[in-house]
Amino acid sequence: MPTVIDAEQTAAKAAGDRKPPFLPPDLADQIELVKKCLYREAQSISDKVAAVLRHQMEGGGKFIRPLLVLLSARMFSDDLAPAVPVAAAAEMIHLATLAHDDVIDGSDMRRRQATINALWGNQAAILAGDILLARALVILSRSRRLDVVQAMAAMLGQMCEGEIAQHLSLHCLEQSEKDYEARIERKTACFFAACCRVGALLSGAGDEDAEKMSRFGSLMGMAFQVADDIMDITSAHEEAGKPVRSDLAQGILTLPVIYALKQPEIGRRIRELLAGVHREKDPAVINEVLALVCANGALEYARSRAKGYVREAEKHLPAAGNAAAKEALRALAGYAVNRVC
């Protein structure tokens, strides 16, 4: 008989089949330029190292962060030439963080292909991520915009803080929603915010508009991470293209689980199940806990929070600006939650 989780996985597959939002045709051309910039950087490295980097680049990502740079730039100017290399740098930083994350998480699958650490080992994966970060910083320096370099460098520091905060909170059942929000704001949302800010700055936006774009990106990033955390619970492995139900197995408490823990009866049962040393490693325990989460309104609550972040994000888009770019940004923010709603 189908379980609650089976039903959630069916819904997740349908959501996962939805394509990213429509973008203006010329922006698709700019994304191709971003891809060419990425491969040009890979080709400038020795063959053996380039093979590792190309493997990371060929994972078929959605280029959401470069899109945020380009669309934020388009809001204030039709000339996207200064934004294209910065968009490429943003994607390189993202790829670097994925390489490092896969080592931290012990993941052997990402975007339906083997990870660098699975193929070449942890040392190669860490160093490949370091190379991507270094190349990204070189590209950013070519912009000759200190404000852009500073925004992206500050973001990298915040992301590392978020990862450390997550590590220090592993297996802790006494986390609040505020703890979770603070963690994902640094771990994920700050990257989205930085992409929007630098895109706006590169097109001549003033400080007020750049701050509005940054706030839009931050709230969209919050929605995106909540949706990702829902998908970790509801998606089947083949649809997600990476290991699922892995957060709880690693001791990471996400919003649906935190919400469920606050419910008197279900919370007590979850605590009983997770009592003891690293019981999250037991697949039977994980399945029972997540079945309780799915059956008691936690996913619906998390979805409503994600939708709320998107609604709030849209309020921060500047009143002026390119109408097509603004509509595409709204669609991109909607896509962040439509994957799970």
Protein backbone atom coordinates (compact mmCIF):
# COMPACT_ATOMS: atom_id res chain seq x y z
CA MET A 1 0.00 0.00 0.00
CA PRO A 2 1.41 3.45 -0.89
CA THR A 3 2.79 5.40 2.08
CA VAL A 4 2.69 9.13 2.78
CA ILE A 5 6.28 9.38 1.61
CA ASP A 6 5.37 7.55 -1.65
CA ALA A 7 2.69 10.17 -2.31
CA GLU A 8 5.12 12.99 -1.58
CA GLN A 9 7.68 11.46 -3.96
CA THR A 10 5.10 11.33 -6.75
CA ALA A 11 4.30 14.99 -6.20
CA ALA A 12 8.02 15.83 -6.08
CA LYS A 13 8.62 14.10 -9.42
CA ALA A 14 5.86 16.10 -11.06
CA ALA A 15 7.34 19.30 -9.67
CA GLY A 16 10.84 18.27 -10.73
CA ASP A 17 9.64 17.77 -14.29
CA ARG A 18 8.71 21.44 -14.54
CA LYS A 19 11.22 23.40 -16.59
CA PRO A 20 12.91 26.55 -15.29
CA PRO A 21 11.01 29.76 -16.08
CA PHE A 22 11.03 31.31 -19.55
CA LEU A 23 13.77 33.85 -20.07
CA PRO A 24 14.18 36.54 -22.74
CA PRO A 25 15.87 35.00 -25.83
CA ASP A 26 18.88 37.32 -25.65
CA LEU A 27 19.51 36.24 -22.09
CA ALA A 28 19.81 32.64 -23.25
CA ASP A 29 22.57 33.90 -25.54
CA GLN A 30 24.30 35.52 -22.58
CA ILE A 31 24.19 32.24 -20.66
CA GLU A 32 25.96 30.60 -23.61
CA LEU A 33 28.66 33.26 -23.27
CA VAL A 34 28.91 32.40 -19.57
CA LYS A 35 29.40 28.73 -20.46
CA LYS A 36 32.10 29.62 -22.99
CA CYS A 37 33.88 31.65 -20.33
CA LEU A 38 33.81 28.65 -17.98
CA TYR A 39 35.28 26.28 -20.54
CA ARG A 40 37.88 28.83 -21.59
CA GLU A 41 39.09 28.95 -18.00
CA ALA A 42 39.21 25.14 -17.83
CA GLN A 43 41.21 24.93 -21.06
CA SER A 44 43.88 27.25 -19.66
CA ILE A 45 44.84 24.60 -17.08
CA SER A 46 46.90 21.44 -17.57
CA ASP A 47 45.03 18.58 -19.24
CA LYS A 48 44.71 16.32 -16.20
CA VAL A 49 43.39 19.10 -13.97
CA ALA A 50 41.15 20.42 -16.75
CA ALA A 51 39.51 17.00 -17.01
CA VAL A 52 38.51 17.19 -13.35
CA LEU A 53 37.14 20.72 -13.73
CA ARG A 54 35.23 19.88 -16.92
CA HIS A 55 33.61 16.96 -15.11
CA GLN A 56 32.32 19.40 -12.48
CA MET A 57 31.13 21.85 -15.16
CA GLU A 58 29.25 19.22 -17.16
CA GLY A 59 26.77 18.36 -14.41
CA GLY A 60 23.88 20.15 -16.11
CA GLY A 61 23.08 22.81 -13.51
CA LYS A 62 20.33 25.38 -13.97
CA PHE A 63 22.69 28.40 -13.81
CA ILE A 64 20.43 30.14 -11.30
CA ARG A 65 23.20 32.26 -9.78
CA PRO A 66 24.51 33.52 -13.15
CA LEU A 67 20.91 34.25 -14.12
CA LEU A 68 20.51 36.36 -11.00
CA VAL A 69 23.62 38.36 -11.92
CA LEU A 70 22.44 38.89 -15.51
CA LEU A 71 18.81 39.66 -14.71
CA SER A 72 19.79 42.08 -11.93
CA ALA A 73 22.12 43.81 -14.39
CA ARG A 74 19.38 43.92 -17.04
CA MET A 75 17.11 45.68 -14.55
CA PHE A 76 19.25 48.81 -14.92
CA SER A 77 21.02 48.54 -18.28
CA ASP A 78 20.74 46.84 -21.67
CA ASP A 79 24.52 46.38 -21.79
CA LEU A 80 25.27 43.03 -20.16
CA ALA A 81 28.90 42.78 -21.30
CA PRO A 82 30.35 43.73 -17.87
CA ALA A 83 28.03 41.24 -16.13
CA VAL A 84 28.82 38.14 -18.23
CA PRO A 85 32.28 37.35 -16.75
CA VAL A 86 31.01 38.08 -13.23
CA ALA A 87 28.11 35.69 -13.87
CA ALA A 88 30.69 33.08 -14.92
CA ALA A 89 32.65 33.73 -11.73
CA ALA A 90 29.47 33.22 -9.71
CA GLU A 91 28.93 29.82 -11.33
CA MET A 92 32.57 28.86 -10.70
CA ILE A 93 32.16 29.74 -7.02
CA HIS A 94 29.00 27.62 -6.92
CA LEU A 95 30.79 24.67 -8.52
CA ALA A 96 33.63 25.06 -6.03
CA THR A 97 31.24 24.96 -3.09
CA LEU A 98 29.60 21.83 -4.50
CA ALA A 99 32.97 20.09 -4.77
CA HIS A 100 33.74 20.97 -1.15
CA ASP A 101 30.22 20.08 0.04
CA ASP A 102 30.46 16.64 -1.51
CA VAL A 103 33.61 15.94 0.50
CA ILE A 104 32.04 17.25 3.72
CA ASP A 105 28.86 15.23 3.13
CA GLY A 106 30.59 12.13 1.77
CA SER A 107 28.36 12.29 -1.33
CA ASP A 108 29.17 10.11 -4.33
CA MET A 109 26.43 11.41 -6.65
CA ARG A 110 25.57 14.93 -7.80
CA ARG A 111 23.35 15.93 -10.72
CA ARG A 112 23.00 12.28 -11.74
CA GLN A 113 26.75 11.81 -12.15
CA ALA A 114 29.57 10.66 -9.90
CA THR A 115 31.16 13.38 -7.79
CA ILE A 116 34.81 14.40 -8.08
CA ASN A 117 35.58 12.82 -4.72
CA ALA A 118 33.97 9.55 -5.84
CA LEU A 119 36.11 9.45 -8.99
CA TRP A 120 39.40 11.03 -7.93
CA GLY A 121 39.30 11.16 -4.14
CA ASN A 122 38.77 13.84 -1.50
CA GLN A 123 42.12 15.53 -2.01
CA ALA A 124 41.46 16.12 -5.71
CA ALA A 125 37.95 17.38 -4.96
CA ILE A 126 39.14 19.89 -2.37
CA LEU A 127 41.93 21.16 -4.61
CA ALA A 128 39.59 21.35 -7.63
CA GLY A 129 37.26 23.51 -5.55
CA ASP A 130 40.20 25.68 -4.52
CA ILE A 131 41.25 26.13 -8.15
CA LEU A 132 37.71 27.14 -9.13
CA LEU A 133 37.61 29.69 -6.31
CA ALA A 134 40.99 31.10 -7.31
CA ARG A 135 39.96 31.38 -10.97
CA ALA A 136 36.70 33.04 -9.97
CA LEU A 137 38.55 35.65 -7.92
CA VAL A 138 40.85 36.37 -10.89
CA ILE A 139 37.81 36.91 -13.11
CA LEU A 140 36.22 39.20 -10.52
CA SER A 141 39.43 41.24 -10.24
CA ARG A 142 39.32 41.87 -14.01
CA SER A 143 36.09 43.80 -13.50
CA ARG A 144 38.20 46.47 -11.77
CA ARG A 145 35.25 46.99 -9.43
CA LEU A 146 36.36 46.86 -5.80
CA ASP A 147 32.73 46.90 -4.63
CA VAL A 148 31.96 43.80 -6.69
CA VAL A 149 35.05 41.93 -5.44
CA GLN A 150 34.30 42.90 -1.84
CA ALA A 151 30.66 41.77 -2.09
CA MET A 152 31.61 38.34 -3.44
CA ALA A 153 34.52 37.90 -1.02
CA ALA A 154 32.31 38.80 1.96
CA MET A 155 29.74 36.30 0.74
CA LEU A 156 32.33 33.51 0.68
CA GLY A 157 33.17 34.21 4.30
CA GLN A 158 29.50 34.14 5.26
CA MET A 159 28.98 30.82 3.48
CA CYS A 160 31.85 29.27 5.41
CA GLU A 161 30.36 30.60 8.66
CA GLY A 162 27.06 28.98 7.75
CA GLU A 163 28.72 25.64 7.08
CA ILE A 164 30.55 25.78 10.40
CA ALA A 165 27.31 26.68 12.20
CA GLN A 166 25.64 23.69 10.55
CA HIS A 167 28.48 21.40 11.59
CA LEU A 168 28.31 22.60 15.20
CA SER A 169 24.55 21.99 15.30
CA LEU A 170 24.66 18.39 14.05
CA HIS A 171 22.44 15.97 16.00
CA CYS A 172 21.13 18.80 18.21
CA LEU A 173 17.38 18.39 18.69
CA GLU A 174 16.99 21.69 20.55
CA GLN A 175 17.23 23.96 17.51
CA SER A 176 14.70 26.73 16.88
CA GLU A 177 13.40 28.05 13.59
CA LYS A 178 15.47 31.19 14.20
CA ASP A 179 18.60 29.02 14.48
CA TYR A 180 17.68 27.37 11.17
CA GLU A 181 16.98 30.69 9.47
CA ALA A 182 20.28 32.19 10.61
CA ARG A 183 22.12 29.13 9.33
CA ILE A 184 20.56 29.02 5.85
CA GLU A 185 20.82 32.79 5.47
CA ARG A 186 24.60 32.45 5.68
CA LYS A 187 24.88 29.05 3.99
CA THR A 188 22.69 29.79 0.95
CA ALA A 189 20.79 33.08 0.89
CA CYS A 190 23.85 35.33 1.09
CA PHE A 191 25.09 33.92 -2.25
CA PHE A 192 21.81 34.77 -3.98
CA ALA A 193 21.93 38.22 -2.38
CA ALA A 194 25.49 38.87 -3.56
CA CYS A 195 24.67 37.82 -7.14
CA CYS A 196 21.77 40.28 -7.27
CA ARG A 197 23.79 43.06 -5.66
CA VAL A 198 26.80 42.80 -7.99
CA GLY A 199 24.60 42.52 -11.08
CA ALA A 200 22.87 45.76 -10.12
CA LEU A 201 26.15 47.52 -9.28
CA LEU A 202 27.71 46.53 -12.61
CA SER A 203 24.84 48.26 -14.42
CA GLY A 204 25.13 51.50 -12.51
CA ALA A 205 22.41 51.03 -9.91
CA GLY A 206 22.58 53.29 -6.89
CA ASP A 207 23.17 52.02 -3.38
CA GLU A 208 19.44 51.97 -2.54
CA ASP A 209 18.49 49.91 -5.59
CA ALA A 210 21.48 47.60 -5.11
CA GLU A 211 20.34 47.00 -1.53
CA LYS A 212 16.80 46.25 -2.71
CA MET A 213 18.12 43.74 -5.21
CA SER A 214 20.29 42.17 -2.52
CA ARG A 215 17.27 41.80 -0.24
CA PHE A 216 15.28 40.22 -3.07
CA GLY A 217 18.09 37.72 -3.64
CA SER A 218 18.41 36.90 0.05
CA LEU A 219 14.71 36.12 0.46
CA MET A 220 14.67 34.09 -2.75
CA GLY A 221 17.68 32.16 -1.44
CA MET A 222 15.84 31.41 1.79
CA ALA A 223 12.90 30.03 -0.21
CA PHE A 224 15.26 28.01 -2.39
CA GLN A 225 16.96 26.35 0.60
CA VAL A 226 13.68 25.52 2.32
CA ALA A 227 12.49 23.94 -0.95
CA ASP A 228 15.75 21.97 -1.22
CA ASP A 229 15.27 20.71 2.33
CA ILE A 230 11.74 19.59 1.49
CA MET A 231 13.02 17.81 -1.62
CA ASP A 232 15.60 15.94 0.46
CA ILE A 233 12.65 14.34 2.22
CA THR A 234 10.18 13.89 -0.64
CA SER A 235 12.26 13.19 -3.76
CA ALA A 236 13.29 9.74 -4.92
CA HIS A 237 17.02 9.30 -5.59
CA GLU A 238 16.68 9.08 -9.39
CA GLU A 239 14.62 12.27 -9.59
CA ALA A 240 16.87 14.31 -7.34
CA GLY A 241 20.06 13.24 -9.13
CA LYS A 242 21.82 13.05 -5.76
CA PRO A 243 21.41 11.17 -2.47
CA VAL A 244 18.14 11.96 -0.70
CA ARG A 245 17.05 11.70 2.92
CA SER A 246 20.68 12.44 3.64
CA ASP A 247 20.17 15.50 5.86
CA LEU A 248 18.77 13.59 8.82
CA ALA A 249 21.29 10.78 8.27
CA GLN A 250 24.05 13.36 8.77
CA GLY A 251 22.36 14.84 11.82
CA ILE A 252 21.21 18.00 9.99
CA LEU A 253 17.85 19.25 11.23
CA THR A 254 15.88 21.09 8.55
CA LEU A 255 12.70 23.13 8.86
CA PRO A 256 10.17 20.28 8.49
CA VAL A 257 11.90 18.22 11.20
CA ILE A 258 12.30 21.23 13.52
CA TYR A 259 8.59 21.99 13.10
CA ALA A 260 7.65 18.38 13.82
CA LEU A 261 9.83 18.31 16.94
CA LYS A 262 7.83 21.24 18.35
CA GLN A 263 4.55 19.28 18.19
CA PRO A 264 3.99 17.67 21.62
CA GLU A 265 3.10 14.08 20.70
CA ILE A 266 4.95 13.67 17.40
CA GLY A 267 7.96 15.54 18.81
CA ARG A 268 8.14 13.17 21.76
CA ARG A 269 8.03 10.14 19.44
CA ILE A 270 10.74 11.55 17.17
CA ARG A 271 12.97 12.20 20.17
CA GLU A 272 12.46 8.61 21.29
CA LEU A 273 13.41 7.35 17.84
CA LEU A 274 16.53 9.49 17.66
CA ALA A 275 17.65 8.80 21.22
CA GLY A 276 21.11 7.29 21.44
CA VAL A 277 24.31 7.85 19.57
CA HIS A 278 23.84 8.64 15.86
CA ARG A 279 20.66 6.62 15.46
CA GLU A 280 20.05 8.83 12.41
CA LYS A 281 22.37 6.44 10.57
CA ASP A 282 19.77 3.67 10.80
CA PRO A 283 17.64 3.73 7.59
CA ALA A 284 14.66 2.26 9.45
CA VAL A 285 14.82 5.10 11.98
CA ILE A 286 15.12 7.70 9.22
CA ASN A 287 12.14 6.27 7.36
CA GLU A 288 9.96 6.22 10.48
CA VAL A 289 10.91 9.75 11.50
CA LEU A 290 10.31 11.15 8.02
CA ALA A 291 7.00 9.29 7.73
CA LEU A 292 5.92 11.09 10.89
CA VAL A 293 7.12 14.40 9.47
CA CYS A 294 5.23 13.85 6.20
CA ALA A 295 2.00 12.83 7.94
CA ASN A 296 1.72 15.66 10.44
CA GLY A 297 1.69 18.92 8.49
CA ALA A 298 5.40 19.71 8.65
CA LEU A 299 5.87 19.71 4.88
CA GLU A 300 2.83 21.92 4.37
CA TYR A 301 4.20 24.33 6.96
CA ALA A 302 7.62 24.42 5.27
CA ARG A 303 5.99 25.00 1.88
CA SER A 304 3.99 27.90 3.28
CA ARG A 305 7.18 29.43 4.69
CA ALA A 306 8.93 29.09 1.32
CA LYS A 307 5.99 30.78 -0.43
CA GLY A 308 6.08 33.54 2.18
CA TYR A 309 9.75 34.22 1.46
CA VAL A 310 8.98 34.58 -2.25
CA ARG A 311 6.06 36.94 -1.63
CA GLU A 312 8.29 39.08 0.58
CA ALA A 313 11.12 38.97 -1.97
CA GLU A 314 8.90 40.36 -4.73
CA LYS A 315 8.11 43.41 -2.57
CA HIS A 316 11.78 44.40 -2.65
CA LEU A 317 12.12 44.60 -6.44
CA PRO A 318 12.65 48.28 -7.34
CA ALA A 319 9.63 50.04 -8.82
CA ALA A 320 11.71 51.21 -11.77
CA GLY A 321 13.74 48.91 -13.99
CA ASN A 322 13.40 46.74 -17.06
CA ALA A 323 9.92 45.18 -17.03
CA ALA A 324 10.97 41.94 -18.77
CA ALA A 325 13.88 41.45 -16.38
CA LYS A 326 11.62 42.09 -13.40
CA GLU A 327 9.08 39.54 -14.63
CA ALA A 328 11.84 36.98 -15.20
CA LEU A 329 13.14 37.55 -11.66
CA ARG A 330 9.64 36.97 -10.30
CA ALA A 331 9.40 33.79 -12.35
CA LEU A 332 12.81 32.62 -11.13
CA ALA A 333 11.79 33.21 -7.51
CA GLY A 334 8.55 31.34 -8.16
CA TYR A 335 10.50 28.46 -9.65
CA ALA A 336 12.42 28.16 -6.38
CA VAL A 337 9.24 27.03 -4.62
CA ASN A 338 7.23 25.58 -7.51
CA ARG A 339 9.55 22.57 -7.39
CA VAL A 340 7.81 21.50 -4.17
CA CYS A 341 4.41 23.21 -4.33
